[in-house]
């Protein structure tokens, strides 16, 4: 599981969103429990996840993982990853740093369920407005 988290973060650093989405099971789920109004709360299926993530590098140029901790849980299929990404907000060219917590369930080497806990308000501040993070145009 630790290797999967490492691979996922490496793909984010390489801006390989298709590869990142490829880590999901065909019917895997990406969920955003803290999504605000107008934000998707759930994206289902690898193809939908790939489409959802496609524009991420156009919003945030991830350049570094500044912190990372991976916690094993009592369920061997579940891991909790805490990480902080840093880079540049593409539209403003301002540096940013954003913390995430992900609860990841893996089955047969693929992500079955990924609950992504991040702050939409912090992301909107980084990007300069709330509309940039609305459904279909951006990701946290």
Protein backbone atom coordinates (compact mmCIF):
# COMPACT_ATOMS: atom_id res chain seq x y z
CA UNK A 1 0.00 0.00 0.00
CA UNK A 2 2.85 2.37 0.79
CA UNK A 3 4.20 1.76 -2.73
CA UNK A 4 0.85 2.72 -4.24
CA UNK A 5 0.87 6.04 -2.37
CA UNK A 6 4.45 6.68 -3.51
CA UNK A 7 3.48 5.90 -7.12
CA UNK A 8 0.43 8.16 -6.92
CA UNK A 9 2.46 11.10 -5.61
CA UNK A 10 5.15 10.50 -8.23
CA UNK A 11 2.51 10.62 -10.99
CA UNK A 12 1.16 13.90 -9.58
CA UNK A 13 4.67 15.38 -9.63
CA UNK A 14 5.04 14.26 -13.25
CA UNK A 15 1.64 15.82 -14.08
CA UNK A 16 0.56 12.41 -15.39
CA UNK A 17 -3.12 12.61 -14.53
CA UNK A 18 -4.04 9.77 -16.90
CA UNK A 19 -1.52 7.57 -15.09
CA UNK A 20 -2.82 8.76 -11.71
CA UNK A 21 -6.41 7.92 -12.71
CA UNK A 22 -5.14 4.60 -14.04
CA UNK A 23 -4.41 3.54 -10.45
CA UNK A 24 -8.18 3.22 -9.85
CA UNK A 25 -10.17 0.05 -10.43
CA UNK A 26 -12.44 0.30 -13.45
CA UNK A 27 -15.40 0.88 -11.13
CA UNK A 28 -13.41 2.73 -8.46
CA UNK A 29 -14.68 5.81 -6.66
CA UNK A 30 -13.12 9.20 -5.91
CA UNK A 31 -15.02 10.97 -3.15
CA UNK A 32 -14.78 14.50 -1.69
CA UNK A 33 -16.52 14.54 1.73
CA UNK A 34 -15.79 18.25 2.28
CA UNK A 35 -16.95 19.40 -1.16
CA UNK A 36 -18.79 22.70 -1.07
CA UNK A 37 -21.81 23.76 -3.12
CA UNK A 38 -21.19 23.30 -6.82
CA UNK A 39 -18.37 20.84 -6.24
CA UNK A 40 -18.69 17.17 -7.16
CA UNK A 41 -18.95 15.00 -4.06
CA UNK A 42 -18.32 11.74 -5.88
CA UNK A 43 -16.79 10.63 -9.18
CA UNK A 44 -17.43 7.02 -10.15
CA UNK A 45 -15.45 4.88 -12.57
CA UNK A 46 -11.87 5.09 -13.84
CA UNK A 47 -12.86 6.87 -17.08
CA UNK A 48 -14.88 9.51 -15.22
CA UNK A 49 -12.02 9.98 -12.75
CA UNK A 50 -9.56 10.37 -15.63
CA UNK A 51 -11.79 13.02 -17.23
CA UNK A 52 -12.29 14.80 -13.91
CA UNK A 53 -8.54 14.98 -13.22
CA UNK A 54 -7.51 15.86 -16.78
CA UNK A 55 -7.32 19.63 -16.20
CA UNK A 56 -5.61 19.53 -12.78
CA UNK A 57 -2.15 20.53 -14.14
CA UNK A 58 -3.76 23.54 -15.86
CA UNK A 59 -4.76 24.82 -12.41
CA UNK A 60 -1.97 23.69 -10.12
CA UNK A 61 1.61 23.02 -11.15
CA UNK A 62 2.60 20.51 -8.47
CA UNK A 63 6.36 20.66 -7.96
CA UNK A 64 7.05 19.11 -4.58
CA UNK A 65 5.71 16.86 -1.86
CA UNK A 66 6.71 18.80 1.27
CA UNK A 67 5.29 16.38 3.84
CA UNK A 68 4.11 12.79 3.74
CA UNK A 69 2.97 10.25 6.30
CA UNK A 70 1.28 6.96 5.49
CA UNK A 71 -0.68 5.24 8.26
CA UNK A 72 -1.59 1.59 8.18
CA UNK A 73 -4.99 0.71 9.60
CA UNK A 74 -6.43 -2.41 11.21
CA UNK A 75 -7.95 -3.20 7.81
CA UNK A 76 -5.08 -4.33 5.56
CA UNK A 77 -6.94 -3.00 2.50
CA UNK A 78 -7.10 0.57 3.88
CA UNK A 79 -4.37 3.16 4.33
CA UNK A 80 -4.52 6.80 5.42
CA UNK A 81 -2.12 9.13 3.64
CA UNK A 82 -1.38 12.64 4.90
CA UNK A 83 0.56 14.74 2.45
CA UNK A 84 1.24 18.32 1.47
CA UNK A 85 1.79 19.40 -2.10
CA UNK A 86 3.55 22.60 -3.10
CA UNK A 87 3.92 24.31 -6.43
CA UNK A 88 2.55 27.22 -8.41
CA UNK A 89 -1.04 28.23 -9.13
CA UNK A 90 -0.97 28.40 -12.93
CA UNK A 91 -3.37 31.36 -13.40
CA UNK A 92 -1.69 33.63 -10.85
CA UNK A 93 1.85 32.18 -10.90
CA UNK A 94 1.75 32.43 -7.10
CA UNK A 95 3.39 29.70 -5.01
CA UNK A 96 1.07 27.52 -2.96
CA UNK A 97 1.10 24.73 -0.44
CA UNK A 98 -1.99 22.60 0.19
CA UNK A 99 -2.49 19.77 2.69
CA UNK A 100 -4.51 16.63 1.97
CA UNK A 101 -5.64 13.56 3.84
CA UNK A 102 -6.71 10.57 1.77
CA UNK A 103 -8.36 7.39 3.00
CA UNK A 104 -7.55 4.82 0.35
CA UNK A 105 -9.04 1.34 -0.04
CA UNK A 106 -7.12 -0.98 -2.36
CA UNK A 107 -8.29 -4.24 -3.88
CA UNK A 108 -6.20 -6.38 -6.24
CA UNK A 109 -3.55 -3.66 -6.44
CA UNK A 110 -6.02 -0.99 -7.61
CA UNK A 111 -7.74 1.85 -5.80
CA UNK A 112 -11.30 0.82 -5.05
CA UNK A 113 -12.23 3.92 -3.03
CA UNK A 114 -10.34 7.17 -2.42
CA UNK A 115 -11.79 9.68 0.03
CA UNK A 116 -10.00 12.97 -0.53
CA UNK A 117 -10.10 15.40 2.41
CA UNK A 118 -8.87 18.85 1.42
CA UNK A 119 -10.09 22.38 1.94
CA UNK A 120 -12.07 23.86 -0.95
CA UNK A 121 -11.75 27.29 0.71
CA UNK A 122 -7.95 27.01 0.85
CA UNK A 123 -7.85 25.86 -2.78
CA UNK A 124 -10.10 28.76 -3.85
CA UNK A 125 -7.81 31.19 -2.04
CA UNK A 126 -4.80 29.71 -3.84
CA UNK A 127 -6.51 29.91 -7.21
CA UNK A 128 -7.93 33.36 -6.61
CA UNK A 129 -11.65 32.56 -6.75
CA UNK A 130 -14.28 29.94 -6.00
CA UNK A 131 -15.44 29.48 -9.59
CA UNK A 132 -12.09 28.02 -10.63
CA UNK A 133 -12.74 25.05 -8.35
CA UNK A 134 -16.34 24.40 -9.42
CA UNK A 135 -17.54 21.11 -10.83
CA UNK A 136 -15.97 20.21 -14.14
CA UNK A 137 -13.35 22.96 -14.15
CA UNK A 138 -10.95 22.07 -11.39
CA UNK A 139 -9.75 19.81 -8.67
CA UNK A 140 -8.24 20.26 -5.25
